[in-house]
Amino acid sequence: MKMAIDYRDGLLFTSLRVTCHGKTGVIENVVIDTGATHSILSPDSVHNLGLEYQDEDQIVTSVGLGGRQYAFVKKVDKVDFGPFNVNECNMDFCVIDQTGRVNGLLGLDLLSRVGAVIDLKNMLLYEGI
């Protein structure tokens, strides 16, 4: 099974389906980012799922090209992207793009967990052999 990748503005975009506490939502405009060790979603993109910061949430610090950012971490029931399913995983939540163009980063934590292969010639994501 394969999943098409959308290449625009110099970035690789996909969408994720996130399930938490019995609610499922589709998050559009998620960048496939092999430079990100953790997958991150904008809190605004999951607000309808009831995923909001709570005092007991762990706070983590990320350092990247954009500088230092702080995120809160929550366990979600399931993340689906294309043919891939990841059950019970931690996700980081923080503002990624102030303009709202990018709602998340699909990082190496989830990509490596499913053995994803990124085929740039055909703009596909599929499972490795």
Protein backbone atom coordinates (compact mmCIF):
# COMPACT_ATOMS: atom_id res chain seq x y z
CA MET A 1 0.00 0.00 0.00
CA LYS A 2 1.20 3.45 -0.88
CA MET A 3 0.34 6.99 0.07
CA ALA A 4 0.76 10.00 -2.21
CA ILE A 5 2.85 12.90 -0.92
CA ASP A 6 1.95 16.47 -1.83
CA TYR A 7 5.03 18.53 -2.72
CA ARG A 8 4.42 22.27 -2.43
CA ASP A 9 6.33 25.33 -1.31
CA GLY A 10 9.46 23.18 -1.07
CA LEU A 11 7.91 20.90 1.57
CA LEU A 12 6.40 17.40 1.62
CA PHE A 13 2.81 17.48 2.92
CA THR A 14 0.44 14.77 4.07
CA SER A 15 -2.48 14.45 6.46
CA LEU A 16 -2.88 12.50 9.70
CA ARG A 17 -5.90 10.94 11.35
CA VAL A 18 -5.61 11.22 15.11
CA THR A 19 -7.81 9.32 17.56
CA CYS A 20 -7.94 10.18 21.24
CA HIS A 21 -10.60 9.44 23.88
CA GLY A 22 -12.95 8.01 21.24
CA LYS A 23 -12.81 11.07 18.97
CA THR A 24 -11.10 11.10 15.58
CA GLY A 25 -10.01 14.09 13.55
CA VAL A 26 -8.13 14.61 10.29
CA ILE A 27 -5.22 17.02 10.47
CA GLU A 28 -4.36 18.52 7.09
CA ASN A 29 -1.13 20.28 6.08
CA VAL A 30 1.28 18.12 8.06
CA VAL A 31 4.89 18.30 6.84
CA ILE A 32 6.89 15.08 6.54
CA ASP A 33 10.05 16.11 8.38
CA THR A 34 12.91 13.62 8.67
CA GLY A 35 14.83 16.27 10.64
CA ALA A 36 12.25 16.19 13.44
CA THR A 37 12.89 13.52 16.06
CA HIS A 38 9.31 13.85 17.38
CA SER A 39 6.03 14.35 15.61
CA ILE A 40 4.35 17.61 16.58
CA LEU A 41 0.83 18.94 16.07
CA SER A 42 -0.56 22.41 16.48
CA PRO A 43 -2.92 22.61 19.48
CA ASP A 44 -5.45 24.45 17.29
CA SER A 45 -5.59 21.51 14.86
CA VAL A 46 -6.74 19.09 17.60
CA HIS A 47 -8.92 21.41 19.66
CA ASN A 48 -12.07 19.60 18.44
CA LEU A 49 -10.68 16.36 19.92
CA GLY A 50 -10.47 17.91 23.37
CA LEU A 51 -6.67 17.77 23.39
CA GLU A 52 -5.67 20.79 25.43
CA TYR A 53 -2.88 21.54 27.87
CA GLN A 54 -3.48 20.35 31.43
CA ASP A 55 -1.31 20.98 34.49
CA GLU A 56 -0.16 17.34 34.69
CA ASP A 57 1.13 17.31 31.08
CA GLN A 58 4.87 16.98 30.56
CA ILE A 59 6.56 20.01 29.00
CA VAL A 60 9.45 19.35 26.59
CA THR A 61 11.91 21.69 24.88
CA SER A 62 12.80 21.34 21.20
CA VAL A 63 15.70 23.08 19.53
CA GLY A 64 15.76 23.49 15.76
CA LEU A 65 16.43 25.96 13.01
CA GLY A 66 13.63 28.16 14.30
CA GLY A 67 15.16 28.32 17.77
CA ARG A 68 13.87 26.91 21.05
CA GLN A 69 10.22 25.85 21.37
CA TYR A 70 8.20 24.39 24.21
CA ALA A 71 5.53 21.74 23.76
CA PHE A 72 3.24 19.69 25.93
CA VAL A 73 3.10 15.93 25.49
CA LYS A 74 0.00 13.73 25.43
CA LYS A 75 -0.58 10.06 24.69
CA VAL A 76 -3.02 9.52 21.81
CA ASP A 77 -4.85 6.29 21.05
CA LYS A 78 -3.95 6.08 17.39
CA VAL A 79 -2.35 7.96 14.50
CA ASP A 80 -3.07 6.91 10.90
CA PHE A 81 -1.35 8.21 7.79
CA GLY A 82 -1.90 6.52 4.47
CA PRO A 83 -1.60 2.75 4.98
CA PHE A 84 0.16 3.16 8.33
CA ASN A 85 -1.33 2.83 11.83
CA VAL A 86 0.49 3.64 15.05
CA ASN A 87 -1.30 2.74 18.26
CA GLU A 88 -0.73 4.40 21.64
CA CYS A 89 1.95 6.96 20.99
CA ASN A 90 3.06 10.21 22.54
CA MET A 91 2.59 13.38 20.50
CA ASP A 92 4.03 16.82 21.14
CA PHE A 93 1.73 19.83 20.81
CA CYS A 94 2.96 23.34 20.10
CA VAL A 95 2.55 26.15 17.58
CA ILE A 96 4.63 25.26 14.54
CA ASP A 97 3.74 27.98 12.07
CA GLN A 98 2.37 31.34 13.22
CA THR A 99 0.61 31.78 9.84
CA GLY A 100 -1.32 28.51 10.23
CA ARG A 101 -0.04 27.07 6.93
CA VAL A 102 1.55 24.08 8.67
CA ASN A 103 -0.50 22.16 11.25
CA GLY A 104 2.10 19.58 12.20
CA LEU A 105 5.32 17.70 11.58
CA LEU A 106 5.39 13.97 10.91
CA GLY A 107 8.74 13.12 12.47
CA LEU A 108 11.14 10.21 12.66
CA ASP A 109 9.45 8.75 15.74
CA LEU A 110 6.39 7.68 13.73
CA LEU A 111 8.10 7.25 10.34
CA SER A 112 10.69 4.82 11.72
CA ARG A 113 8.13 3.00 13.87
CA VAL A 114 6.24 1.94 10.72
CA GLY A 115 9.32 1.47 8.51
CA ALA A 116 8.24 4.16 6.07
CA VAL A 117 10.09 4.63 2.79
CA ILE A 118 9.96 8.07 1.19
CA ASP A 119 10.06 7.74 -2.61
CA LEU A 120 10.85 11.25 -3.87
CA LYS A 121 10.93 10.28 -7.54
CA ASN A 122 7.29 9.14 -7.45
CA MET A 123 6.22 11.28 -4.44
CA LEU A 124 5.00 8.26 -2.46
CA LEU A 125 5.30 6.99 1.07
CA TYR A 126 5.16 3.23 1.56
CA GLU A 127 6.30 0.43 3.85
CA GLY A 128 9.84 -0.84 3.44
CA ILE A 129 10.62 -4.47 2.79
